[in-house]
Amino acid sequence: MKTLLVLAIAVLVAVPVLAAELPAGSPEPNLLLAGLVKTGGPATSSSSDGVVSPRESHLGQALELPASEFYPSDEPTEVAADFDLKLPEEELPDSDIPLTLNDKVQYFLSYFQGRARPVFARWLSRSERYLPMMKEVLRKESLPEDLVYVAMIESGFSPHAYSVASAVGPWQFMSGTGKRYSLRIDGWIDERRDPLKSTVAAALYLKELYGLFNKDWYLAAAGYNAGENKILRAIDMYNSRDFWELSKGSYLKRETKDYVPKLLAAAIIAKEPHKYGFADVAYLPPIEFDTVPIPTQTDLDIVARLCDMPVQALRDLNPELRRWATPPDYPGYELKLPKGKKELFAAEYAKVPVDKRYTPKVLYTRYRMKRGDTLARVASRYGTTTKVLTELNHLRKTKKLRGRLLTIPVQPESHDAPVNFVAKKDSREFHKYYTVKKGDTLYSLARRFNVSTRILSAWNDIKGKIALRTGRRIIVAKYVEKSGAMVPVVNEKS
């Protein structure tokens, strides 16, 4: 009896110490204690608070969730009373990537079952929509099919996922890496969001990393997260090709140190969800589609009408399309249609005259000519011609232009323009965006876009005299569409 009392006191004393050692965002001590009781061994490890945003919750940081899937606070999420936390058995599921069970992997197994359970359940539900297609791509590239779980921890299999670092799509490609693997990214299309094409690109990248790191999938996965050069420097620095040894050093970010155990934990649960409390997940049906080549630029609403389907359903099948139509300079673009609609579309599409397949959407802005402006310079800035400006504004060659308020057609479909329009959701208000370049200042941009620095600061929440960061995307104009024309919300300096 005395022995039991001493043991109980020891456990009670150990719990606060254990909690004190845990980094922010770790599972609650009662869950960890449950792990001790169930396994007879430690259930702790280094936590993940990978860099996503310093103001977001630790859960969101650890899982690198898209912004829409962050929890609203950092308070612990209680586990339902009838939910039995199941820590893994010693026997791991069959896998074509090497699975390991250590403290760090066990930590994420507990995490995904505890605080992250609602999010992980959504990931599982969405997974079946893309797993068959993605596994087929990996199989064709002679790669392990279980690499699909890289997409799970990157995005939860969401084509619309994005990060604060501007990584996009189910495989979270940065722009440079995406283009390196032939993904087209411009104002009309972002193929990082295409589940099929981005999977092909990810397969090629992972295959390259696997060869680079002497056929070690843990190092390849770490390289996918941090970049191959970062991992190569770590190997040279620590004279080791063992991922777990590299993780003991301080050179790699915690995000990268946690990436592999997070991947392994996700794969273990996803392959045997019933063993870890996810038997009740309702899986989405696998995505099925046919592809058809589109010879010329075509409005999506025309395609939807010919296929007798809602245009939003068509957009959902083609999340890479950013505008209302297929790309203008992409002959033979492969558009995805619901399975069984290919023949119907082909027959009906052939009846549509080429000049009726696409409707340009011309929007208008206003600009007041300033000292030093010329008609040619303004026309070039807005992607139009002096002839168009002259006719639209009834200009005479002898008339002075300084101070004149011009109406200017803006073609938002021009992806080469330095600015672009984005419609606010559920609104007819449009925002004109500009990406800050080296040397730009608030004052120079205010002059360039004919707006006051005060308004520019208000639109972009710029406080005080903060320097504009190169690469930042800012609002430089606001418009509302009225009768097909773009009317500025604010078009004068104030």
Protein backbone atom coordinates (compact mmCIF):
# COMPACT_ATOMS: atom_id res chain seq x y z
CA MET A 1 0.00 0.00 0.00
CA LYS A 2 2.84 2.33 0.92
CA THR A 3 4.53 1.53 -2.39
CA LEU A 4 1.36 2.42 -4.32
CA LEU A 5 1.06 5.71 -2.41
CA VAL A 6 4.66 6.66 -3.23
CA LEU A 7 4.09 5.75 -6.88
CA ALA A 8 0.93 7.87 -7.06
CA ILE A 9 2.71 10.87 -5.51
CA ALA A 10 5.57 10.44 -7.99
CA VAL A 11 3.17 10.50 -10.92
CA LEU A 12 1.36 13.59 -9.63
CA VAL A 13 4.66 15.40 -9.15
CA ALA A 14 5.86 14.35 -12.59
CA VAL A 15 2.85 15.72 -14.47
CA PRO A 16 3.50 19.45 -13.79
CA VAL A 17 7.18 18.93 -14.59
CA LEU A 18 6.22 17.21 -17.82
CA ALA A 19 3.82 20.02 -18.69
CA ALA A 20 6.47 22.63 -17.96
CA GLU A 21 8.85 20.95 -20.39
CA LEU A 22 6.28 20.86 -23.18
CA PRO A 23 6.41 23.65 -25.76
CA ALA A 24 3.33 25.72 -26.47
CA GLY A 25 0.74 23.84 -28.46
CA SER A 26 1.53 20.37 -27.06
CA PRO A 27 -1.29 18.02 -26.04
CA GLU A 28 -2.70 18.55 -22.59
CA PRO A 29 -0.93 16.78 -19.67
CA ASN A 30 -3.95 14.53 -19.07
CA LEU A 31 -3.62 13.16 -22.62
CA LEU A 32 0.09 12.61 -22.13
CA LEU A 33 -0.58 10.86 -18.83
CA ALA A 34 -3.07 8.65 -20.66
CA GLY A 35 -0.27 7.81 -23.06
CA LEU A 36 2.03 6.85 -20.17
CA VAL A 37 -0.60 4.58 -18.69
CA LYS A 38 -1.48 2.95 -22.02
CA THR A 39 2.03 2.40 -23.34
CA GLY A 40 4.16 2.19 -20.25
CA GLY A 41 6.62 4.60 -21.87
CA PRO A 42 7.03 8.31 -22.58
CA ALA A 43 4.57 9.97 -24.93
CA THR A 44 6.43 13.25 -25.25
CA SER A 45 8.76 14.70 -27.81
CA SER A 46 9.76 18.02 -29.27
CA SER A 47 6.72 19.89 -30.48
CA SER A 48 6.19 21.68 -33.72
CA ASP A 49 5.55 25.39 -33.81
CA GLY A 50 6.69 25.77 -37.39
CA VAL A 51 6.68 29.25 -38.83
CA VAL A 52 3.35 30.05 -40.45
CA SER A 53 2.39 33.28 -38.75
CA PRO A 54 3.49 34.43 -35.28
CA ARG A 55 -0.04 35.59 -34.49
CA GLU A 56 -1.77 32.33 -35.44
CA SER A 57 -2.56 29.51 -33.04
CA HIS A 58 0.08 26.97 -32.15
CA LEU A 59 -2.10 24.27 -33.64
CA GLY A 60 -2.18 26.05 -36.97
CA GLN A 61 1.58 26.53 -36.79
CA ALA A 62 2.26 22.89 -36.01
CA LEU A 63 0.09 21.62 -38.84
CA GLU A 64 0.83 24.44 -41.32
CA LEU A 65 -2.88 24.77 -41.96
CA PRO A 66 -4.39 27.02 -44.60
CA ALA A 67 -5.65 30.25 -43.04
CA SER A 68 -9.25 29.04 -43.12
CA GLU A 69 -8.42 26.05 -40.92
CA PHE A 70 -6.69 27.80 -38.02
CA TYR A 71 -8.37 27.51 -34.69
CA PRO A 72 -9.51 30.92 -33.45
CA SER A 73 -7.57 30.75 -30.19
CA ASP A 74 -4.72 28.98 -28.49
CA GLU A 75 -6.93 27.42 -25.83
CA PRO A 76 -6.74 23.61 -25.55
CA THR A 77 -9.46 21.73 -27.38
CA GLU A 78 -11.19 19.26 -25.07
CA VAL A 79 -11.43 15.68 -26.28
CA ALA A 80 -14.96 14.29 -26.23
CA ALA A 81 -15.64 12.21 -23.13
CA ASP A 82 -16.51 9.14 -25.19
CA PHE A 83 -13.40 9.46 -27.36
CA ASP A 84 -10.77 6.92 -26.35
CA LEU A 85 -7.29 8.20 -27.26
CA LYS A 86 -5.59 5.30 -29.00
CA LEU A 87 -1.83 5.36 -29.09
CA PRO A 88 -0.27 3.13 -31.74
CA GLU A 89 0.47 -0.52 -31.37
CA GLU A 90 4.00 -1.73 -32.06
CA GLU A 91 2.97 -3.26 -35.37
CA LEU A 92 2.89 -0.58 -38.06
CA PRO A 93 0.82 -0.80 -41.24
CA ASP A 94 2.34 -1.97 -44.50
CA SER A 95 3.78 0.92 -46.47
CA ASP A 96 6.03 1.47 -49.45
CA ILE A 97 7.88 4.23 -47.58
CA PRO A 98 9.79 3.30 -44.40
CA LEU A 99 7.68 3.88 -41.29
CA THR A 100 9.31 4.57 -37.94
CA LEU A 101 7.81 4.83 -34.48
CA ASN A 102 9.73 7.08 -32.10
CA ASP A 103 8.85 9.80 -29.60
CA LYS A 104 8.41 12.49 -32.25
CA VAL A 105 6.19 10.34 -34.45
CA GLN A 106 4.23 9.27 -31.38
CA TYR A 107 3.77 12.91 -30.41
CA PHE A 108 2.08 13.68 -33.74
CA LEU A 109 -0.01 10.53 -33.52
CA SER A 110 -1.34 11.84 -30.21
CA TYR A 111 -1.70 15.35 -31.61
CA PHE A 112 -3.72 14.28 -34.64
CA GLN A 113 -6.04 12.30 -32.36
CA GLY A 114 -6.35 15.08 -29.79
CA ARG A 115 -6.47 18.80 -30.51
CA ALA A 116 -6.09 18.34 -34.25
CA ARG A 117 -8.70 15.63 -34.57
CA PRO A 118 -11.42 17.78 -36.28
CA VAL A 119 -8.93 19.06 -38.85
CA PHE A 120 -7.39 15.65 -39.48
CA ALA A 121 -10.86 14.18 -39.94
CA ARG A 122 -11.51 16.75 -42.70
CA TRP A 123 -8.22 15.82 -44.31
CA LEU A 124 -9.19 12.16 -44.28
CA SER A 125 -12.63 12.94 -45.69
CA ARG A 126 -11.12 14.93 -48.56
CA SER A 127 -8.29 12.45 -49.17
CA GLU A 128 -10.37 9.85 -50.99
CA ARG A 129 -11.35 12.45 -53.59
CA TYR A 130 -7.74 12.65 -54.80
CA LEU A 131 -5.90 9.52 -53.59
CA PRO A 132 -6.70 7.23 -56.56
CA MET A 133 -5.61 9.83 -59.12
CA MET A 134 -2.48 10.87 -57.21
CA LYS A 135 -1.41 7.28 -56.52
CA GLU A 136 -1.75 6.47 -60.22
CA VAL A 137 0.59 9.36 -61.10
CA LEU A 138 3.15 8.23 -58.51
CA ARG A 139 2.89 4.64 -59.75
CA LYS A 140 3.55 5.73 -63.34
CA GLU A 141 6.67 7.55 -62.13
CA SER A 142 7.81 4.38 -60.27
CA LEU A 143 7.50 6.13 -56.92
CA PRO A 144 6.01 4.90 -53.62
CA GLU A 145 2.28 5.51 -53.60
CA ASP A 146 2.35 6.51 -49.93
CA LEU A 147 4.12 9.72 -50.89
CA VAL A 148 0.56 11.02 -51.35
CA TYR A 149 0.64 11.82 -47.63
CA VAL A 150 3.08 14.62 -48.38
CA ALA A 151 0.06 16.38 -49.94
CA MET A 152 -1.93 15.57 -46.81
CA ILE A 153 0.41 17.39 -44.43
CA GLU A 154 1.09 20.16 -46.95
CA SER A 155 -2.52 21.13 -47.66
CA GLY A 156 -4.98 18.53 -46.41
CA PHE A 157 -5.48 17.72 -50.12
CA SER A 158 -6.95 21.17 -50.80
CA PRO A 159 -6.33 22.67 -54.28
CA HIS A 160 -7.12 26.10 -52.81
CA ALA A 161 -4.61 25.91 -49.95
CA TYR A 162 -2.12 28.76 -49.70
CA SER A 163 0.49 29.81 -47.18
CA VAL A 164 1.84 33.12 -45.97
CA ALA A 165 5.01 32.23 -47.87
CA SER A 166 2.90 32.18 -51.09
CA ALA A 167 3.03 28.41 -51.54
CA VAL A 168 -0.08 27.27 -53.41
CA GLY A 169 -2.11 24.16 -54.13
CA PRO A 170 -2.31 20.60 -52.81
CA TRP A 171 1.46 20.15 -53.02
CA GLN A 172 2.22 23.73 -51.89
CA PHE A 173 4.58 24.76 -54.67
CA MET A 174 6.34 28.09 -54.55
CA SER A 175 6.14 29.97 -57.84
CA GLY A 176 9.76 29.38 -58.82
CA THR A 177 9.68 25.65 -58.10
CA GLY A 178 6.36 25.26 -59.88
CA LYS A 179 7.69 26.91 -63.04
CA ARG A 180 10.82 24.76 -62.78
CA TYR A 181 8.55 21.75 -63.26
CA SER A 182 6.56 23.31 -66.12
CA LEU A 183 3.55 24.55 -64.15
CA ARG A 184 2.10 27.65 -65.79
CA ILE A 185 1.43 30.54 -63.41
CA ASP A 186 0.00 33.83 -64.67
CA GLY A 187 -3.07 36.02 -64.48
CA TRP A 188 -5.24 33.44 -66.22
CA ILE A 189 -4.10 30.16 -64.77
CA ASP A 190 -2.19 28.76 -61.79
CA GLU A 191 -1.43 25.11 -62.43
CA ARG A 192 -0.15 24.67 -58.89
CA ARG A 193 -3.87 24.33 -58.05
CA ASP A 194 -4.43 21.63 -60.67
CA PRO A 195 -4.54 18.36 -58.67
CA LEU A 196 -3.33 16.31 -61.64
CA LYS A 197 -0.61 18.56 -63.07
CA SER A 198 0.73 19.55 -59.66
CA THR A 199 0.95 15.87 -58.68
CA VAL A 200 3.01 15.17 -61.80
CA ALA A 201 5.29 18.09 -60.88
CA ALA A 202 5.56 16.90 -57.26
CA ALA A 203 6.42 13.38 -58.43
CA LEU A 204 9.24 14.70 -60.61
CA TYR A 205 10.56 16.88 -57.79
CA LEU A 206 10.43 14.05 -55.22
CA LYS A 207 12.15 11.68 -57.66
CA GLU A 208 14.91 14.24 -58.14
CA LEU A 209 15.30 14.70 -54.38
CA TYR A 210 15.39 10.93 -53.81
CA GLY A 211 18.30 10.58 -56.22
CA LEU A 212 20.07 13.60 -54.79
CA PHE A 213 19.94 12.22 -51.24
CA ASN A 214 21.14 8.69 -52.08
CA LYS A 215 17.69 7.10 -52.04
CA ASP A 216 16.72 8.28 -48.56
CA TRP A 217 13.03 9.21 -48.39
CA TYR A 218 13.35 11.02 -45.06
CA LEU A 219 15.98 13.37 -46.45
CA ALA A 220 13.96 13.75 -49.67
CA ALA A 221 10.89 14.77 -47.67
CA ALA A 222 12.94 17.20 -45.59
CA GLY A 223 14.33 18.64 -48.83
CA TYR A 224 10.80 19.05 -50.17
CA ASN A 225 10.01 21.17 -47.12
CA ALA A 226 13.20 23.18 -46.67
CA GLY A 227 14.75 23.03 -50.13
CA GLU A 228 17.50 20.68 -51.24
CA ASN A 229 20.31 23.16 -50.62
CA LYS A 230 19.34 23.59 -46.98
CA ILE A 231 19.51 19.83 -46.38
CA LEU A 232 22.79 19.49 -48.29
CA ARG A 233 24.33 22.18 -46.07
CA ALA A 234 23.06 20.38 -42.97
CA ILE A 235 24.62 17.12 -44.18
CA ASP A 236 27.97 18.87 -44.67
CA MET A 237 27.70 20.68 -41.35
CA TYR A 238 26.97 17.59 -39.23
CA ASN A 239 28.74 15.02 -41.44
CA SER A 240 25.68 12.78 -41.33
CA ARG A 241 23.04 11.54 -43.76
CA ASP A 242 20.69 10.42 -40.99
CA PHE A 243 17.64 12.68 -40.79
CA TRP A 244 17.17 12.03 -37.07
CA GLU A 245 20.79 12.99 -36.38
CA LEU A 246 20.44 16.18 -38.43
CA SER A 247 17.31 16.99 -36.40
CA LYS A 248 19.33 17.04 -33.19
CA GLY A 249 21.31 20.07 -34.37
CA SER A 250 20.19 23.69 -34.37
CA TYR A 251 20.69 24.41 -38.09
CA LEU A 252 17.37 23.08 -39.40
CA LYS A 253 14.20 24.95 -38.50
CA ARG A 254 11.77 23.22 -36.19
CA GLU A 255 9.29 23.15 -39.07
CA THR A 256 11.67 20.90 -41.02
CA LYS A 257 12.60 18.79 -38.00
CA ASP A 258 8.92 18.06 -37.46
CA TYR A 259 8.10 17.53 -41.13
CA VAL A 260 9.13 13.88 -41.39
CA PRO A 261 7.53 12.71 -38.11
CA LYS A 262 4.39 14.61 -39.09
CA LEU A 263 4.39 12.81 -42.45
CA LEU A 264 4.90 9.40 -40.85
CA ALA A 265 2.16 9.97 -38.27
CA ALA A 266 -0.28 11.10 -40.97
CA ALA A 267 0.50 8.03 -43.09
CA ILE A 268 0.13 5.64 -40.14
CA ILE A 269 -3.29 6.99 -39.20
CA ALA A 270 -4.55 7.40 -42.78
CA LYS A 271 -3.69 3.80 -43.65
CA GLU A 272 -5.54 2.40 -40.61
CA PRO A 273 -7.94 5.15 -39.49
CA HIS A 274 -10.21 2.77 -37.56
CA LYS A 275 -7.37 1.93 -35.15
CA TYR A 276 -6.92 5.59 -34.22
CA GLY A 277 -10.49 6.70 -33.64
CA PHE A 278 -11.42 7.78 -37.20
CA ALA A 279 -13.76 4.93 -38.14
CA ASP A 280 -16.68 7.34 -38.54
CA VAL A 281 -15.14 9.58 -41.23
CA ALA A 282 -17.40 10.15 -44.25
CA TYR A 283 -15.12 10.03 -47.28
CA LEU A 284 -15.82 12.09 -50.40
CA PRO A 285 -16.19 10.07 -53.62
CA PRO A 286 -13.12 9.94 -55.90
CA ILE A 287 -12.93 12.71 -58.48
CA GLU A 288 -13.71 11.46 -61.98
CA PHE A 289 -13.40 13.47 -65.17
CA ASP A 290 -12.68 13.45 -68.87
CA THR A 291 -10.42 16.01 -70.50
CA VAL A 292 -11.13 17.81 -73.76
CA PRO A 293 -8.78 20.09 -75.71
CA ILE A 294 -10.12 23.63 -76.07
CA PRO A 295 -8.82 25.05 -79.37
CA THR A 296 -9.59 28.71 -78.67
CA GLN A 297 -10.27 30.83 -75.61
CA THR A 298 -13.75 29.99 -74.33
CA ASP A 299 -16.03 31.32 -71.60
CA LEU A 300 -16.65 28.85 -68.79
CA ASP A 301 -20.35 29.68 -68.69
CA ILE A 302 -20.62 28.58 -72.33
CA VAL A 303 -18.92 25.27 -71.50
CA ALA A 304 -21.19 24.78 -68.48
CA ARG A 305 -24.30 25.49 -70.55
CA LEU A 306 -23.26 23.01 -73.25
CA CYS A 307 -22.61 20.36 -70.60
CA ASP A 308 -25.85 21.14 -68.77
CA MET A 309 -24.08 21.73 -65.47
CA PRO A 310 -23.59 24.62 -63.00
CA VAL A 311 -20.61 26.81 -63.82
CA GLN A 312 -19.38 26.47 -60.22
CA ALA A 313 -19.19 22.69 -60.64
CA LEU A 314 -17.03 23.28 -63.71
CA ARG A 315 -14.79 25.62 -61.73
CA ASP A 316 -14.47 23.02 -58.97
CA LEU A 317 -13.16 20.54 -61.53
CA ASN A 318 -10.69 23.14 -62.86
CA PRO A 319 -9.45 25.04 -59.78
CA GLU A 320 -6.38 26.20 -61.70
CA LEU A 321 -8.45 28.64 -63.78
CA ARG A 322 -8.37 32.12 -62.26
CA ARG A 323 -10.74 33.98 -64.59
CA TRP A 324 -14.05 33.51 -66.36
CA ALA A 325 -12.54 31.75 -69.37
CA THR A 326 -9.80 29.40 -70.50
CA PRO A 327 -6.37 31.03 -71.14
CA PRO A 328 -6.03 33.16 -74.30
CA ASP A 329 -2.68 31.83 -75.53
CA TYR A 330 -3.04 28.17 -74.66
CA PRO A 331 -4.34 26.35 -77.77
CA GLY A 332 -5.39 22.82 -76.92
CA TYR A 333 -5.80 23.58 -73.23
CA GLU A 334 -7.09 20.39 -71.56
CA LEU A 335 -10.29 21.29 -69.74
CA LYS A 336 -11.70 18.79 -67.25
CA LEU A 337 -15.37 17.83 -67.67
CA PRO A 338 -17.54 15.47 -65.61
CA LYS A 339 -17.19 11.84 -66.62
CA GLY A 340 -19.53 11.09 -69.51
CA LYS A 341 -19.94 14.69 -70.74
CA LYS A 342 -17.11 14.68 -73.27
CA GLU A 343 -19.07 13.55 -76.34
CA LEU A 344 -22.02 15.84 -75.59
CA PHE A 345 -19.73 18.84 -75.22
CA ALA A 346 -17.72 18.08 -78.37
CA ALA A 347 -20.87 17.85 -80.48
CA GLU A 348 -22.41 21.06 -79.12
CA TYR A 349 -19.15 23.03 -79.01
CA ALA A 350 -18.55 22.46 -82.72
CA LYS A 351 -21.79 24.35 -83.42
CA VAL A 352 -20.63 27.50 -81.60
CA PRO A 353 -18.94 30.01 -83.96
CA VAL A 354 -15.37 30.81 -82.98
CA ASP A 355 -16.15 34.50 -82.50
CA LYS A 356 -18.98 33.62 -80.08
CA ARG A 357 -16.94 31.41 -77.75
CA TYR A 358 -15.33 34.21 -75.81
CA THR A 359 -16.68 37.56 -74.64
CA PRO A 360 -14.02 40.13 -73.67
CA LYS A 361 -14.85 41.90 -70.45
CA VAL A 362 -13.57 45.44 -70.82
CA LEU A 363 -13.53 47.51 -67.64
CA TYR A 364 -12.84 51.22 -67.36
CA THR A 365 -10.86 53.41 -65.03
CA ARG A 366 -10.27 57.17 -64.82
CA TYR A 367 -6.92 58.91 -64.81
CA ARG A 368 -6.04 62.62 -64.48
CA MET A 369 -3.13 63.64 -66.68
CA LYS A 370 -0.21 65.11 -64.74
CA ARG A 371 2.80 67.19 -65.66
CA GLY A 372 5.15 65.13 -67.80
CA ASP A 373 2.48 62.65 -68.89
CA THR A 374 2.09 61.88 -72.56
CA LEU A 375 -0.74 60.02 -74.21
CA ALA A 376 1.66 57.34 -75.43
CA ARG A 377 3.10 56.81 -71.94
CA VAL A 378 -0.33 56.52 -70.32
CA ALA A 379 -1.53 54.19 -73.08
CA SER A 380 1.49 51.95 -72.55
CA ARG A 381 0.98 51.91 -68.78
CA TYR A 382 -2.60 50.68 -69.13
CA GLY A 383 -2.01 48.28 -72.01
CA THR A 384 -3.94 50.22 -74.64
CA THR A 385 -3.13 52.50 -77.60
CA THR A 386 -3.13 56.25 -78.22
CA LYS A 387 -5.75 55.75 -80.93
CA VAL A 388 -8.16 54.11 -78.46
CA LEU A 389 -7.62 56.87 -75.89
CA THR A 390 -8.06 59.61 -78.50
CA GLU A 391 -11.32 58.19 -79.82
CA LEU A 392 -12.76 57.27 -76.42
CA ASN A 393 -12.07 60.71 -74.94
CA HIS A 394 -12.75 62.77 -78.10
CA LEU A 395 -9.30 64.35 -77.96
CA ARG A 396 -7.95 66.89 -80.42
CA LYS A 397 -4.23 67.07 -81.12
CA THR A 398 -4.07 70.77 -80.27
CA LYS A 399 -5.76 70.40 -76.88
CA LYS A 400 -3.58 70.47 -73.76
CA LEU A 401 -3.80 67.24 -71.77
CA ARG A 402 -2.45 68.29 -68.38
CA GLY A 403 -5.25 68.14 -65.81
CA ARG A 404 -7.58 66.34 -68.23
CA LEU A 405 -9.53 63.42 -66.71
CA LEU A 406 -9.35 60.51 -69.15
CA THR A 407 -11.49 57.40 -69.37
CA ILE A 408 -9.20 54.44 -69.95
CA PRO A 409 -10.17 50.88 -70.93
CA VAL A 410 -8.51 48.31 -68.73
CA GLN A 411 -8.13 44.74 -69.89
CA PRO A 412 -7.91 42.70 -66.69
CA GLU A 413 -7.23 39.60 -68.74
CA SER A 414 -3.78 40.88 -69.68
CA HIS A 415 -1.49 38.88 -67.40
CA ASP A 416 1.54 40.87 -68.50
CA ALA A 417 0.20 44.08 -66.97
CA PRO A 418 1.91 45.35 -63.79
CA VAL A 419 -1.42 45.43 -61.98
CA ASN A 420 -4.47 43.20 -61.86
CA PHE A 421 -8.11 43.39 -60.82
CA VAL A 422 -9.70 41.09 -58.28
CA ALA A 423 -13.41 41.13 -57.49
CA LYS A 424 -14.29 41.07 -53.81
CA LYS A 425 -16.27 37.98 -52.88
CA ASP A 426 -20.03 38.50 -52.91
CA SER A 427 -19.55 42.07 -54.15
CA ARG A 428 -19.34 44.09 -57.34
CA GLU A 429 -16.42 46.05 -55.94
CA PHE A 430 -13.12 45.47 -57.68
CA HIS A 431 -9.66 46.02 -56.27
CA LYS A 432 -6.69 46.85 -58.41
CA TYR A 433 -3.49 45.32 -57.04
CA TYR A 434 0.16 46.13 -57.57
CA THR A 435 3.25 44.20 -56.48
CA VAL A 436 5.80 46.50 -54.86
CA LYS A 437 9.14 46.69 -56.64
CA LYS A 438 12.54 47.82 -55.42
CA GLY A 439 12.64 51.61 -55.13
CA ASP A 440 8.87 52.07 -54.81
CA THR A 441 7.67 54.38 -52.06
CA LEU A 442 4.21 55.20 -50.79
CA TYR A 443 4.54 58.68 -52.27
CA SER A 444 5.71 57.48 -55.70
CA LEU A 445 2.89 54.93 -55.91
CA ALA A 446 0.33 57.49 -54.80
CA ARG A 447 1.44 59.79 -57.63
CA ARG A 448 1.54 56.96 -60.13
CA PHE A 449 -1.99 55.75 -59.37
CA ASN A 450 -3.48 59.21 -58.78
CA VAL A 451 -4.49 58.70 -55.15
CA SER A 452 -3.39 60.23 -51.85
CA THR A 453 -0.85 58.58 -49.56
CA ARG A 454 -3.45 58.73 -46.78
CA ILE A 455 -5.97 56.70 -48.76
CA LEU A 456 -3.29 54.27 -49.95
CA SER A 457 -2.23 53.74 -46.33
CA ALA A 458 -5.82 53.18 -45.22
CA TRP A 459 -6.56 50.67 -47.97
CA ASN A 460 -3.48 48.62 -47.07
CA ASP A 461 -3.39 49.11 -43.29
CA ILE A 462 0.00 50.81 -43.45
CA LYS A 463 0.82 52.39 -40.10
CA GLY A 464 3.19 55.32 -39.75
CA LYS A 465 6.25 55.60 -41.96
CA ILE A 466 6.77 51.89 -42.53
CA ALA A 467 8.85 51.12 -45.61
CA LEU A 468 7.11 49.14 -48.32
CA ARG A 469 8.49 45.61 -48.54
CA THR A 470 9.53 44.53 -52.03
CA GLY A 471 7.15 41.84 -53.27
CA ARG A 472 4.23 43.01 -51.14
CA ARG A 473 0.90 43.07 -52.98
CA ILE A 474 -1.06 46.24 -52.25
CA ILE A 475 -4.37 47.78 -53.29
CA VAL A 476 -3.82 50.83 -55.49
CA ALA A 477 -7.40 51.49 -56.64
CA LYS A 478 -10.98 50.51 -55.88
CA TYR A 479 -13.85 50.45 -58.36
CA VAL A 480 -17.47 49.44 -58.60
CA GLU A 481 -18.96 48.10 -61.82
CA LYS A 482 -21.95 50.05 -63.10
CA SER A 483 -23.50 49.26 -66.47
CA GLY A 484 -20.31 47.58 -67.62
CA ALA A 485 -18.11 50.53 -66.65
CA MET A 486 -15.61 50.67 -63.82
CA VAL A 487 -16.36 53.66 -61.60
CA PRO A 488 -13.64 54.60 -59.11
CA VAL A 489 -14.59 54.51 -55.44
CA VAL A 490 -11.94 57.16 -54.89
CA ASN A 491 -10.32 58.69 -57.92
CA GLU A 492 -9.13 62.05 -56.69
CA LYS A 493 -6.41 63.02 -54.28
CA SER A 494 -7.80 64.01 -50.94
